[in-house]
Each structure stands twice: as C-alpha cells, then as structure tokens.
C-alpha atoms as a PDB file:
ATOM      1  CA  MET A   1      96.967  95.256  77.923  1.00  0.00           C
ATOM      2  CA  ALA A   2      94.505  92.375  78.346  1.00  0.00           C
ATOM      3  CA  ARG A   3      96.404  90.170  75.894  1.00  0.00           C
ATOM      4  CA  PHE A   4      99.735  90.993  77.519  1.00  0.00           C
ATOM      5  CA  THR A   5      98.484  90.115  81.006  1.00  0.00           C
ATOM      6  CA  ARG A   6      96.949  86.860  79.742  1.00  0.00           C
ATOM      7  CA  GLU A   7     100.222  85.862  78.089  1.00  0.00           C
ATOM      8  CA  ASN A   8     102.458  87.164  80.911  1.00  0.00           C
ATOM      9  CA  PRO A   9     100.816  86.485  84.266  1.00  0.00           C
ATOM     10  CA  PHE A  10     102.158  88.404  87.252  1.00  0.00           C
ATOM     11  CA  PRO A  11     101.207  87.700  90.888  1.00  0.00           C
ATOM     12  CA  PHE A  12     100.506  91.413  91.408  1.00  0.00           C
ATOM     13  CA  PRO A  13      98.399  94.022  89.613  1.00  0.00           C
ATOM     14  CA  LEU A  14      99.783  95.867  86.600  1.00  0.00           C
ATOM     15  CA  LEU A  15      98.830  99.502  86.282  1.00  0.00           C
ATOM     16  CA  PRO A  16      98.603 100.741  82.697  1.00  0.00           C
ATOM     17  CA  ASP A  17      99.567 104.370  82.165  1.00  0.00           C
ATOM     18  CA  THR A  18      96.755 105.224  79.767  1.00  0.00           C
ATOM     19  CA  GLY A  19      96.900 108.952  80.571  1.00  0.00           C
ATOM     20  CA  HIS A  20     100.725 109.080  80.285  1.00  0.00           C
ATOM     21  CA  ALA A  21     101.085 110.487  83.826  1.00  0.00           C
ATOM     22  CA  THR A  22     103.951 108.123  84.692  1.00  0.00           C
ATOM     23  CA  PHE A  23     105.360 108.408  81.177  1.00  0.00           C
ATOM     24  CA  ASP A  24     105.598 112.181  81.649  1.00  0.00           C
ATOM     25  CA  ALA A  25     106.689 112.110  85.305  1.00  0.00           C
ATOM     26  CA  TYR A  26     109.704 109.912  84.518  1.00  0.00           C
ATOM     27  CA  ASP A  27     110.513 111.768  81.300  1.00  0.00           C
ATOM     28  CA  VAL A  28     110.314 108.658  79.111  1.00  0.00           C
ATOM     29  CA  ALA A  29     111.593 109.483  75.635  1.00  0.00           C
ATOM     30  CA  ASP A  30     109.022 109.452  72.848  1.00  0.00           C
ATOM     31  CA  ARG A  31     109.822 108.341  69.325  1.00  0.00           C
ATOM     32  CA  LEU A  32     107.698 108.881  66.235  1.00  0.00           C
ATOM     33  CA  MET A  33     107.748 105.206  65.219  1.00  0.00           C
ATOM     34  CA  SER A  34     106.545 104.046  68.646  1.00  0.00           C
ATOM     35  CA  LEU A  35     103.491 106.329  68.471  1.00  0.00           C
ATOM     36  CA  GLY A  36     104.171 107.428  72.034  1.00  0.00           C
ATOM     37  CA  GLN A  37     104.040 103.870  73.367  1.00  0.00           C
ATOM     38  CA  ARG A  38     107.095 102.852  75.329  1.00  0.00           C
ATOM     39  CA  PRO A  39     107.415  99.511  77.082  1.00  0.00           C
ATOM     40  CA  ALA A  40     108.440 100.473  80.579  1.00  0.00           C
ATOM     41  CA  VAL A  41     108.479  98.822  83.980  1.00  0.00           C
ATOM     42  CA  PHE A  42     109.136 100.764  87.161  1.00  0.00           C
ATOM     43  CA  ILE A  43     109.308  99.227  90.625  1.00  0.00           C
ATOM     44  CA  ILE A  44     108.919 101.773  93.390  1.00  0.00           C
ATOM     45  CA  ASP A  45     110.286 100.810  96.817  1.00  0.00           C
ATOM     46  CA  LYS A  46     108.683 101.441 100.203  1.00  0.00           C
ATOM     47  CA  GLU A  47     110.334 104.864 100.416  1.00  0.00           C
ATOM     48  CA  GLY A  48     108.902 105.914  97.049  1.00  0.00           C
ATOM     49  CA  ARG A  49     112.205 105.624  95.165  1.00  0.00           C
ATOM     50  CA  VAL A  50     112.617 103.929  91.812  1.00  0.00           C
ATOM     51  CA  ALA A  51     114.276 100.624  92.713  1.00  0.00           C
ATOM     52  CA  PHE A  52     114.127  99.140  89.206  1.00  0.00           C
ATOM     53  CA  ASP A  53     113.401 100.562  85.805  1.00  0.00           C
ATOM     54  CA  SER A  54     113.410  99.191  82.311  1.00  0.00           C
ATOM     55  CA  VAL A  55     112.476 101.335  79.326  1.00  0.00           C
ATOM     56  CA  GLY A  56     112.597  99.808  75.856  1.00  0.00           C
ATOM     57  CA  SER A  57     112.253 101.316  72.428  1.00  0.00           C
ATOM     58  CA  GLN A  58     109.739  98.764  71.116  1.00  0.00           C
ATOM     59  CA  GLN A  59     106.862  96.823  72.678  1.00  0.00           C
ATOM     60  CA  TRP A  60     108.758  93.524  72.735  1.00  0.00           C
ATOM     61  CA  GLN A  61     111.603  95.051  74.785  1.00  0.00           C
ATOM     62  CA  ILE A  62     110.357  94.353  78.279  1.00  0.00           C
ATOM     63  CA  PRO A  63     112.067  92.548  81.137  1.00  0.00           C
ATOM     64  CA  THR A  64     111.120  88.944  81.731  1.00  0.00           C
ATOM     65  CA  ASN A  65     108.754  87.993  84.513  1.00  0.00           C
ATOM     66  CA  ARG A  66     111.704  86.240  86.140  1.00  0.00           C
ATOM     67  CA  ASP A  67     113.754  89.468  86.212  1.00  0.00           C
ATOM     68  CA  VAL A  68     110.907  91.538  87.657  1.00  0.00           C
ATOM     69  CA  LEU A  69     110.022  88.927  90.262  1.00  0.00           C
ATOM     70  CA  ALA A  70     113.690  88.565  91.256  1.00  0.00           C
ATOM     71  CA  LYS A  71     113.880  92.301  91.904  1.00  0.00           C
ATOM     72  CA  LEU A  72     110.668  92.178  93.946  1.00  0.00           C
ATOM     73  CA  ASP A  73     112.065  89.272  95.985  1.00  0.00           C
ATOM     74  CA  GLU A  74     115.268  91.252  96.559  1.00  0.00           C
ATOM     75  CA  LEU A  75     113.307  94.268  97.781  1.00  0.00           C
ATOM     76  CA  ALA A  76     111.095  92.130 100.012  1.00  0.00           C
ATOM     77  CA  ALA A  77     114.200  90.729 101.734  1.00  0.00           C
ATOM     78  CA  LEU A  78     115.377  94.206 102.791  1.00  0.00           C
END
C-alpha cells in the first residue's frame, strides 16, 4: 500500500481493507490466482450508498486518479 500511495497520490486518505471486511461486505469475487487480493475502489456518498465502484481482476486494473477525482467532484457538486 505504501508504494501505491507514493506512486499514486490522492488528496484524501485511502483505507486499506486488510481484514477483508469491505471485501466481504460487497461480495467481491475471489480468484485463486489473485490470492484473495482484488483491486477495488468504492466511493460512498453522503447517504451511505455506493456512488462509484471499480473492481478489477488484477492489481493493475484500477481506475485512474483522474476518474476517481472526477467522480468525487461530481458528487461534491450535488
């Protein structure tokens, strides 16, 4: 996680799911070759609903900072 955050700075905190609580709560599919690690981003809106989600099958399949920040800007404008 430290390397990822150094290489991909976000202007907000990232919360790693080391205990798989979010992984399990959102029923993220597990695959043998990923060793249980799934690149996922969830943005939860003010009402507690999932406003954006991206779940990849490999670690390099994550949305760009630009895409995540655009969604946050969109939500902030509501």
